[in-house]
């Protein structure tokens, strides 16, 4: 194996190992802990939620959280229908995390695939793909998403598919740039000399070289899709009842900001901390990539 290929593999192994934990700052560690906690909450929502999030108890409506005069029965209070806020938050985190992950996977796959095709084909195909990328970047995606939802409805699958189209042009640019740099390395030239297939070359050699850069883009994509989902759901265009997400919890609670602030503030705080944590992680990955 050439020195360049060994350096590439060492960088990838360093990113996937736990050695970064010791060199990470306190804020980065807190961000990773928060994101890990959100993932665990999303994975075990049914076991963690003390109540069914759809259970209505009008006799217990608008109870405050424990710290401002509430009881342990509803530690984070209840909403206008008496539904337990903690249970609704847990299931809303599950829905929002699932949507963000699915949308990011779709956009990353589309962008990375088109970026690799553009880098490999060159010529007219490269110019065509880059023209589509520029057009996508110039369009206001929020307006396009609202238009598509208004035309086709707001089913869960369609909503995820629409969010999956957000940001793919950024991944395409990153994949194209890193692929153009990696394809001229000696280990790629050697693989071509041995008549390795395009799929093998890109999966085994070029993709690992691009992986740290792509992962930094993935964390940014997760942040943006979480915020986009929250915005659309807040406007009533995203997740619809009886399903609940962090965005539509904020939307439903805006009418009670003066009397029951916790209905909107608690999910809003979760969105803000999650987005901030992902941005801190993204900055850390970008710094690590530059150092390597």
Protein backbone atom coordinates (compact mmCIF):
# COMPACT_ATOMS: atom_id res chain seq x y z
CA UNK A 1 0.00 0.00 0.00
CA UNK A 2 1.33 3.45 -0.90
CA UNK A 3 2.10 6.12 1.71
CA UNK A 4 -0.79 8.23 0.43
CA UNK A 5 -3.25 5.36 0.82
CA UNK A 6 -1.93 4.63 4.31
CA UNK A 7 -2.37 8.27 5.33
CA UNK A 8 -5.91 8.20 3.99
CA UNK A 9 -6.75 5.06 5.98
CA UNK A 10 -5.16 6.43 9.15
CA UNK A 11 -7.25 9.61 8.89
CA UNK A 12 -10.42 7.57 8.47
CA UNK A 13 -9.53 5.26 11.36
CA UNK A 14 -8.80 8.29 13.54
CA UNK A 15 -12.21 9.76 12.77
CA UNK A 16 -13.97 6.49 13.59
CA UNK A 17 -11.94 5.75 16.74
CA UNK A 18 -12.42 7.21 20.22
CA UNK A 19 -9.08 9.02 20.24
CA UNK A 20 -10.84 12.31 19.36
CA UNK A 21 -12.66 12.24 22.71
CA UNK A 22 -9.52 13.05 24.70
CA UNK A 23 -8.58 15.99 22.48
CA UNK A 24 -12.13 17.39 22.20
CA UNK A 25 -13.07 20.48 24.17
CA UNK A 26 -15.65 20.46 26.96
CA UNK A 27 -18.31 22.04 24.71
CA UNK A 28 -17.77 19.37 22.04
CA UNK A 29 -18.14 16.61 24.61
CA UNK A 30 -21.35 18.18 25.92
CA UNK A 31 -22.67 18.39 22.36
CA UNK A 32 -21.91 14.72 21.71
CA UNK A 33 -23.56 13.73 25.00
CA UNK A 34 -26.70 15.72 24.14
CA UNK A 35 -26.97 14.21 20.64
CA UNK A 36 -26.35 10.72 22.02
CA UNK A 37 -29.06 11.29 24.62
CA UNK A 38 -31.50 12.42 21.91
CA UNK A 39 -30.75 9.31 19.87
CA UNK A 40 -31.29 7.06 22.89
CA UNK A 41 -34.55 8.84 23.75
CA UNK A 42 -35.71 8.41 20.16
CA UNK A 43 -34.76 4.73 20.13
CA UNK A 44 -36.45 3.88 23.45
CA UNK A 45 -39.32 6.36 23.41
CA UNK A 46 -41.99 3.76 24.17
CA UNK A 47 -40.11 2.56 27.24
CA UNK A 48 -39.20 6.02 28.55
CA UNK A 49 -42.50 7.86 28.13
CA UNK A 50 -44.54 7.73 31.39
CA UNK A 51 -47.85 8.22 29.52
CA UNK A 52 -49.33 7.73 26.12
CA UNK A 53 -48.68 11.10 24.41
CA UNK A 54 -52.22 11.10 22.99
CA UNK A 55 -53.99 10.52 26.33
CA UNK A 56 -56.32 13.42 27.08
CA UNK A 57 -57.07 14.39 30.69
CA UNK A 58 -59.03 17.64 30.74
CA UNK A 59 -59.07 17.65 34.53
CA UNK A 60 -55.26 17.98 34.49
CA UNK A 61 -54.96 20.55 31.68
CA UNK A 62 -52.35 23.33 31.82
CA UNK A 63 -50.56 22.01 34.88
CA UNK A 64 -47.16 23.75 35.28
CA UNK A 65 -43.81 21.93 35.36
CA UNK A 66 -42.44 20.62 38.64
CA UNK A 67 -39.98 23.49 39.14
CA UNK A 68 -42.70 26.15 38.99
CA UNK A 69 -45.29 24.58 41.21
CA UNK A 70 -46.21 21.35 39.44
CA UNK A 71 -46.24 17.77 40.68
CA UNK A 72 -44.24 14.63 39.99
CA UNK A 73 -47.23 13.15 38.16
CA UNK A 74 -46.42 15.50 35.27
CA UNK A 75 -42.84 16.64 35.79
CA UNK A 76 -42.86 18.92 32.73
CA UNK A 77 -46.49 19.93 33.04
CA UNK A 78 -49.42 19.32 30.70
CA UNK A 79 -50.78 21.03 27.62
CA UNK A 80 -54.19 22.52 26.86
CA UNK A 81 -55.74 19.03 26.57
CA UNK A 82 -54.11 17.63 29.69
CA UNK A 83 -51.57 15.58 27.74
CA UNK A 84 -48.29 14.92 29.53
CA UNK A 85 -45.58 17.24 28.16
CA UNK A 86 -42.70 14.89 28.99
CA UNK A 87 -44.27 12.05 27.02
CA UNK A 88 -45.07 14.34 24.10
CA UNK A 89 -41.52 15.69 24.11
CA UNK A 90 -40.04 12.19 24.07
CA UNK A 91 -42.15 11.07 21.11
CA UNK A 92 -41.63 14.40 19.34
CA UNK A 93 -37.87 13.95 19.63
CA UNK A 94 -38.29 10.50 18.10
CA UNK A 95 -40.23 11.86 15.12
CA UNK A 96 -37.94 14.86 14.57
CA UNK A 97 -34.75 12.78 14.82
CA UNK A 98 -36.17 10.16 12.44
CA UNK A 99 -37.15 12.81 9.89
CA UNK A 100 -33.79 14.58 10.16
CA UNK A 101 -31.83 11.34 9.76
CA UNK A 102 -33.93 10.09 6.84
CA UNK A 103 -33.82 13.44 5.06
CA UNK A 104 -30.07 13.78 5.57
CA UNK A 105 -29.41 10.24 4.29
CA UNK A 106 -31.46 10.94 1.14
CA UNK A 107 -29.83 14.30 0.42
CA UNK A 108 -26.32 12.99 1.16
CA UNK A 109 -26.80 9.97 -1.10
CA UNK A 110 -28.20 12.03 -3.98
CA UNK A 111 -25.55 14.73 -3.68
CA UNK A 112 -22.61 12.35 -3.24
CA UNK A 113 -23.71 10.13 -6.13
CA UNK A 114 -24.18 13.07 -8.52
CA UNK A 115 -20.91 14.61 -7.35
CA UNK A 116 -19.01 11.43 -8.09
CA UNK A 117 -20.71 11.06 -11.48
CA UNK A 118 -19.82 14.66 -12.30
CA UNK A 119 -16.18 14.21 -11.27
CA UNK A 120 -15.78 10.96 -13.20
CA UNK A 121 -17.65 11.87 -16.38
CA UNK A 122 -16.43 15.42 -16.89
CA UNK A 123 -17.28 17.33 -20.05
CA UNK A 124 -20.91 18.02 -20.86
CA UNK A 125 -22.25 15.77 -18.08
CA UNK A 126 -20.17 17.63 -15.51
CA UNK A 127 -21.40 20.99 -16.80
CA UNK A 128 -25.03 19.80 -16.81
CA UNK A 129 -24.90 18.50 -13.23
CA UNK A 130 -23.17 21.64 -11.99
CA UNK A 131 -25.79 23.76 -13.76
CA UNK A 132 -28.54 21.86 -11.93
CA UNK A 133 -26.60 22.31 -8.67
CA UNK A 134 -26.36 26.07 -9.24
CA UNK A 135 -30.06 26.25 -10.08
CA UNK A 136 -31.00 24.33 -6.93
CA UNK A 137 -28.79 26.57 -4.79
CA UNK A 138 -30.38 29.71 -6.26
CA UNK A 139 -33.98 28.65 -5.59
CA UNK A 140 -35.64 29.47 -2.23
CA UNK A 141 -36.20 25.95 -0.93
CA UNK A 142 -38.67 26.98 1.77
CA UNK A 143 -41.08 28.38 -0.84
CA UNK A 144 -40.64 25.28 -3.02
CA UNK A 145 -41.35 22.99 -0.06
CA UNK A 146 -44.46 24.95 0.88
CA UNK A 147 -45.67 24.82 -2.72
CA UNK A 148 -45.13 21.06 -3.02
CA UNK A 149 -46.92 20.41 0.27
CA UNK A 150 -49.81 22.64 -0.80
CA UNK A 151 -50.15 20.75 -4.10
CA UNK A 152 -49.53 17.14 -3.03
CA UNK A 153 -50.60 17.21 0.62
CA UNK A 154 -48.58 16.65 3.78
CA UNK A 155 -48.29 12.90 4.18
CA UNK A 156 -45.36 11.68 6.27
CA UNK A 157 -43.58 9.95 3.37
CA UNK A 158 -43.92 12.97 1.09
CA UNK A 159 -42.73 15.30 3.83
CA UNK A 160 -39.58 13.21 4.37
CA UNK A 161 -38.98 13.04 0.60
CA UNK A 162 -39.27 16.82 0.29
CA UNK A 163 -36.82 17.38 3.14
CA UNK A 164 -34.53 14.82 1.50
CA UNK A 165 -34.17 17.17 -1.47
CA UNK A 166 -32.84 19.93 0.76
CA UNK A 167 -29.12 20.56 0.64
CA UNK A 168 -28.16 17.85 -1.85
CA UNK A 169 -26.41 20.46 -4.02
CA UNK A 170 -23.96 21.18 -1.19
CA UNK A 171 -23.11 17.50 -0.88
CA UNK A 172 -22.71 17.29 -4.67
CA UNK A 173 -20.20 20.14 -4.69
CA UNK A 174 -18.24 18.66 -1.80
CA UNK A 175 -18.22 15.15 -3.32
CA UNK A 176 -17.18 16.46 -6.73
CA UNK A 177 -14.35 18.55 -5.33
CA UNK A 178 -12.94 15.84 -3.08
CA UNK A 179 -13.35 13.19 -5.79
CA UNK A 180 -11.43 15.32 -8.31
CA UNK A 181 -8.60 15.64 -5.79
CA UNK A 182 -8.64 11.97 -4.78
CA UNK A 183 -8.92 10.42 -8.25
CA UNK A 184 -5.41 11.64 -9.15
CA UNK A 185 -3.76 9.90 -6.19
CA UNK A 186 -1.38 7.03 -6.87
CA UNK A 187 -3.54 4.34 -5.24
CA UNK A 188 -6.47 5.26 -7.50
CA UNK A 189 -4.21 5.23 -10.57
CA UNK A 190 -2.92 1.80 -9.52
CA UNK A 191 -6.46 0.49 -9.09
CA UNK A 192 -7.36 1.68 -12.59
CA UNK A 193 -4.23 0.02 -13.96
CA UNK A 194 -5.48 -3.28 -12.53
CA UNK A 195 -8.83 -2.75 -14.30
CA UNK A 196 -10.79 -2.30 -11.09
CA UNK A 197 -14.43 -1.38 -11.67
CA UNK A 198 -15.67 2.18 -11.15
CA UNK A 199 -17.85 1.00 -8.26
CA UNK A 200 -14.89 -0.64 -6.50
CA UNK A 201 -12.63 2.38 -7.03
CA UNK A 202 -15.17 4.84 -5.64
CA UNK A 203 -16.35 2.68 -2.74
CA UNK A 204 -12.95 1.40 -1.64
CA UNK A 205 -10.63 4.30 -2.45
CA UNK A 206 -12.31 7.61 -3.25
CA UNK A 207 -15.22 7.47 -0.79
CA UNK A 208 -12.97 6.80 2.25
CA UNK A 209 -10.81 9.76 1.19
CA UNK A 210 -13.91 11.97 0.99
CA UNK A 211 -15.57 10.57 4.13
CA UNK A 212 -14.34 13.14 6.72
CA UNK A 213 -15.46 16.02 4.50
CA UNK A 214 -18.81 14.37 3.80
CA UNK A 215 -19.40 13.76 7.52
CA UNK A 216 -18.84 17.43 8.29
CA UNK A 217 -21.49 18.21 5.68
CA UNK A 218 -23.83 15.62 7.17
CA UNK A 219 -23.83 17.33 10.57
CA UNK A 220 -24.66 20.65 8.90
CA UNK A 221 -27.42 18.93 6.93
CA UNK A 222 -28.90 17.43 10.09
CA UNK A 223 -28.99 20.86 11.70
CA UNK A 224 -30.67 22.51 8.73
CA UNK A 225 -33.26 19.77 8.26
CA UNK A 226 -34.20 19.82 11.96
CA UNK A 227 -34.74 23.58 11.72
CA UNK A 228 -36.59 23.27 8.40
CA UNK A 229 -38.87 20.56 9.77
CA UNK A 230 -39.52 22.66 12.85
CA UNK A 231 -40.38 25.70 10.73
CA UNK A 232 -42.75 23.86 8.39
CA UNK A 233 -44.44 22.00 11.25
CA UNK A 234 -44.75 25.27 13.19
CA UNK A 235 -46.60 26.72 10.20
CA UNK A 236 -48.90 23.69 10.09
CA UNK A 237 -47.42 22.34 6.84
CA UNK A 238 -45.35 19.52 8.26
CA UNK A 239 -46.21 16.77 10.73
CA UNK A 240 -49.95 16.58 11.31
CA UNK A 241 -51.91 15.31 14.34
CA UNK A 242 -52.12 12.76 15.84
CA UNK A 243 -48.36 12.60 15.19
CA UNK A 244 -46.29 15.13 17.05
CA UNK A 245 -42.93 16.75 16.33
CA UNK A 246 -40.97 19.46 18.10
CA UNK A 247 -42.01 22.00 15.49
CA UNK A 248 -45.75 21.48 15.74
CA UNK A 249 -45.53 21.41 19.56
CA UNK A 250 -44.12 24.94 19.38
CA UNK A 251 -46.86 25.86 16.90
CA UNK A 252 -49.65 24.54 19.12
CA UNK A 253 -48.20 26.27 22.18
CA UNK A 254 -47.85 29.75 20.74
CA UNK A 255 -51.43 30.57 21.71
CA UNK A 256 -50.59 29.90 25.39
CA UNK A 257 -47.31 31.79 25.72
CA UNK A 258 -48.75 34.16 28.30
CA UNK A 259 -50.62 31.56 30.35
CA UNK A 260 -48.78 28.25 29.81
CA UNK A 261 -45.37 29.14 28.39
CA UNK A 262 -43.94 25.63 28.86
CA UNK A 263 -46.05 24.21 26.01
CA UNK A 264 -44.03 26.15 23.43
CA UNK A 265 -40.82 26.93 25.30
CA UNK A 266 -39.78 23.37 26.22
CA UNK A 267 -39.80 21.95 22.66
CA UNK A 268 -38.25 25.21 21.44
CA UNK A 269 -35.38 24.78 23.88
CA UNK A 270 -34.85 21.19 22.69
CA UNK A 271 -34.69 22.36 19.06
CA UNK A 272 -32.24 25.13 19.93
CA UNK A 273 -29.90 22.92 21.98
CA UNK A 274 -29.97 20.16 19.36
CA UNK A 275 -29.17 22.55 16.52
CA UNK A 276 -26.40 24.20 18.56
CA UNK A 277 -24.90 20.83 19.48
CA UNK A 278 -24.83 19.70 15.86
CA UNK A 279 -23.13 22.93 14.82
CA UNK A 280 -20.49 22.50 17.54
CA UNK A 281 -19.85 18.95 16.33
CA UNK A 282 -19.67 20.16 12.73
CA UNK A 283 -17.08 22.80 13.64
CA UNK A 284 -15.05 20.19 15.52
CA UNK A 285 -15.07 17.80 12.55
CA UNK A 286 -14.05 20.63 10.21
CA UNK A 287 -11.14 21.54 12.48
CA UNK A 288 -10.06 17.91 12.69
CA UNK A 289 -10.13 17.63 8.90
CA UNK A 290 -8.02 20.75 8.50
CA UNK A 291 -5.46 19.52 11.05
CA UNK A 292 -5.14 16.21 9.20
